[in-house]
Amino acid sequence: MNKKQLSEWKELRLKAIYRDDNKCVNCLSDDKLHVHHTIYDFTSENIRIVPLNTLITLCELCHNELHRIVRINKIKNYNTVS
């Protein structure tokens, strides 16, 4: 990510956190906030193509738990297809 993209991402990240009232949308914590992409299908290197409505604010604990659940579901889905 170049400087311009990093700057654009920081601005977009702040907009998402502001929109979500500076709190995790899951547990309402305001500690160690992360911004999670709900959709990852963006092919351009230009961060501006990431729509704000595809981002959610999560605290570090909820974000880690979400990724843990996603990994488990991927494994379950893989095992059912195989």
C-alpha atoms as a PDB file:
ATOM      1  CA  MET A   1       0.000   0.000   0.000  1.00  0.00           C
ATOM      2  CA  ASN A   2       1.504   3.336  -1.000  1.00  0.00           C
ATOM      3  CA  LYS A   3       1.259   6.554   1.052  1.00  0.00           C
ATOM      4  CA  LYS A   4      -1.832   7.783  -0.800  1.00  0.00           C
ATOM      5  CA  GLN A   5      -3.636   4.477  -0.343  1.00  0.00           C
ATOM      6  CA  LEU A   6      -2.642   4.371   3.327  1.00  0.00           C
ATOM      7  CA  SER A   7      -3.980   7.886   3.818  1.00  0.00           C
ATOM      8  CA  GLU A   8      -7.251   6.975   2.053  1.00  0.00           C
ATOM      9  CA  TRP A   9      -7.596   3.820   4.179  1.00  0.00           C
ATOM     10  CA  LYS A  10      -7.011   5.770   7.413  1.00  0.00           C
ATOM     11  CA  GLU A  11      -9.708   8.267   6.407  1.00  0.00           C
ATOM     12  CA  LEU A  12     -12.173   5.510   5.471  1.00  0.00           C
ATOM     13  CA  ARG A  13     -11.385   3.621   8.689  1.00  0.00           C
ATOM     14  CA  LEU A  14     -12.120   6.743  10.762  1.00  0.00           C
ATOM     15  CA  LYS A  15     -15.406   7.277   8.900  1.00  0.00           C
ATOM     16  CA  ALA A  16     -16.485   3.709   9.739  1.00  0.00           C
ATOM     17  CA  ILE A  17     -15.566   4.098  13.404  1.00  0.00           C
ATOM     18  CA  TYR A  18     -17.359   7.458  13.590  1.00  0.00           C
ATOM     19  CA  ARG A  19     -20.450   6.006  11.885  1.00  0.00           C
ATOM     20  CA  ASP A  20     -20.478   3.183  14.450  1.00  0.00           C
ATOM     21  CA  ASP A  21     -20.343   5.674  17.363  1.00  0.00           C
ATOM     22  CA  ASN A  22     -16.742   4.794  18.246  1.00  0.00           C
ATOM     23  CA  LYS A  23     -17.875   1.391  19.534  1.00  0.00           C
ATOM     24  CA  CYS A  24     -17.757  -2.254  18.564  1.00  0.00           C
ATOM     25  CA  VAL A  25     -21.015  -3.058  16.765  1.00  0.00           C
ATOM     26  CA  ASN A  26     -21.083  -6.438  18.500  1.00  0.00           C
ATOM     27  CA  CYS A  27     -20.333  -5.801  22.191  1.00  0.00           C
ATOM     28  CA  LEU A  28     -20.302  -1.965  22.309  1.00  0.00           C
ATOM     29  CA  SER A  29     -16.757  -1.825  23.690  1.00  0.00           C
ATOM     30  CA  ASP A  30     -14.705   1.224  22.796  1.00  0.00           C
ATOM     31  CA  ASP A  31     -11.378  -0.529  23.473  1.00  0.00           C
ATOM     32  CA  LYS A  32      -8.867  -1.461  20.727  1.00  0.00           C
ATOM     33  CA  LEU A  33     -11.164  -0.848  17.757  1.00  0.00           C
ATOM     34  CA  HIS A  34     -10.574  -2.530  14.400  1.00  0.00           C
ATOM     35  CA  VAL A  35     -12.409  -2.038  11.122  1.00  0.00           C
ATOM     36  CA  HIS A  36     -13.476  -5.289   9.481  1.00  0.00           C
ATOM     37  CA  HIS A  37     -14.184  -5.784   5.772  1.00  0.00           C
ATOM     38  CA  THR A  38     -17.422  -7.701   5.315  1.00  0.00           C
ATOM     39  CA  ILE A  39     -16.597  -8.214   1.618  1.00  0.00           C
ATOM     40  CA  TYR A  40     -13.119  -8.946   0.273  1.00  0.00           C
ATOM     41  CA  ASP A  41     -13.797  -9.037  -3.473  1.00  0.00           C
ATOM     42  CA  PHE A  42     -12.057  -5.801  -4.369  1.00  0.00           C
ATOM     43  CA  THR A  43      -9.528  -6.205  -7.136  1.00  0.00           C
ATOM     44  CA  SER A  44      -8.247  -2.669  -7.581  1.00  0.00           C
ATOM     45  CA  GLU A  45      -5.364  -1.365  -5.527  1.00  0.00           C
ATOM     46  CA  ASN A  46      -7.344   1.846  -5.083  1.00  0.00           C
ATOM     47  CA  ILE A  47      -8.807   1.818  -1.561  1.00  0.00           C
ATOM     48  CA  ARG A  48     -11.617   4.157  -2.637  1.00  0.00           C
ATOM     49  CA  ILE A  49     -13.452   1.264  -4.244  1.00  0.00           C
ATOM     50  CA  VAL A  50     -14.117  -0.185  -0.769  1.00  0.00           C
ATOM     51  CA  PRO A  51     -17.632   1.048   0.045  1.00  0.00           C
ATOM     52  CA  LEU A  52     -18.089   2.347   3.584  1.00  0.00           C
ATOM     53  CA  ASN A  53     -21.173   0.138   3.991  1.00  0.00           C
ATOM     54  CA  THR A  54     -18.954  -2.957   3.681  1.00  0.00           C
ATOM     55  CA  LEU A  55     -16.962  -2.012   6.778  1.00  0.00           C
ATOM     56  CA  ILE A  56     -17.894  -2.596  10.414  1.00  0.00           C
ATOM     57  CA  THR A  57     -16.211  -1.556  13.637  1.00  0.00           C
ATOM     58  CA  LEU A  58     -15.246  -4.354  16.011  1.00  0.00           C
ATOM     59  CA  CYS A  59     -13.138  -4.460  19.136  1.00  0.00           C
ATOM     60  CA  GLU A  60     -10.030  -6.606  18.968  1.00  0.00           C
ATOM     61  CA  LEU A  61     -11.684  -9.496  20.844  1.00  0.00           C
ATOM     62  CA  CYS A  62     -14.792  -9.596  18.638  1.00  0.00           C
ATOM     63  CA  HIS A  63     -12.693  -9.195  15.491  1.00  0.00           C
ATOM     64  CA  ASN A  64     -10.478 -12.131  16.460  1.00  0.00           C
ATOM     65  CA  GLU A  65     -13.524 -14.239  17.326  1.00  0.00           C
ATOM     66  CA  LEU A  66     -15.170 -13.427  14.000  1.00  0.00           C
ATOM     67  CA  HIS A  67     -12.072 -14.536  12.106  1.00  0.00           C
ATOM     68  CA  ARG A  68     -11.908 -17.715  14.212  1.00  0.00           C
ATOM     69  CA  ILE A  69     -15.512 -18.545  13.308  1.00  0.00           C
ATOM     70  CA  VAL A  70     -14.876 -17.805   9.622  1.00  0.00           C
ATOM     71  CA  ARG A  71     -11.868 -20.167   9.639  1.00  0.00           C
ATOM     72  CA  ILE A  72     -13.919 -22.931  11.283  1.00  0.00           C
ATOM     73  CA  ASN A  73     -16.715 -22.502   8.721  1.00  0.00           C
ATOM     74  CA  LYS A  74     -14.227 -22.645   5.841  1.00  0.00           C
ATOM     75  CA  ILE A  75     -12.840 -25.902   7.216  1.00  0.00           C
ATOM     76  CA  LYS A  76     -16.345 -27.349   7.664  1.00  0.00           C
ATOM     77  CA  ASN A  77     -17.324 -26.323   4.133  1.00  0.00           C
ATOM     78  CA  TYR A  78     -14.133 -27.767   2.698  1.00  0.00           C
ATOM     79  CA  ASN A  79     -14.710 -31.057   4.494  1.00  0.00           C
ATOM     80  CA  THR A  80     -18.269 -31.330   3.172  1.00  0.00           C
ATOM     81  CA  VAL A  81     -17.199 -30.731  -0.407  1.00  0.00           C
ATOM     82  CA  SER A  82     -14.231 -33.135  -0.311  1.00  0.00           C
END
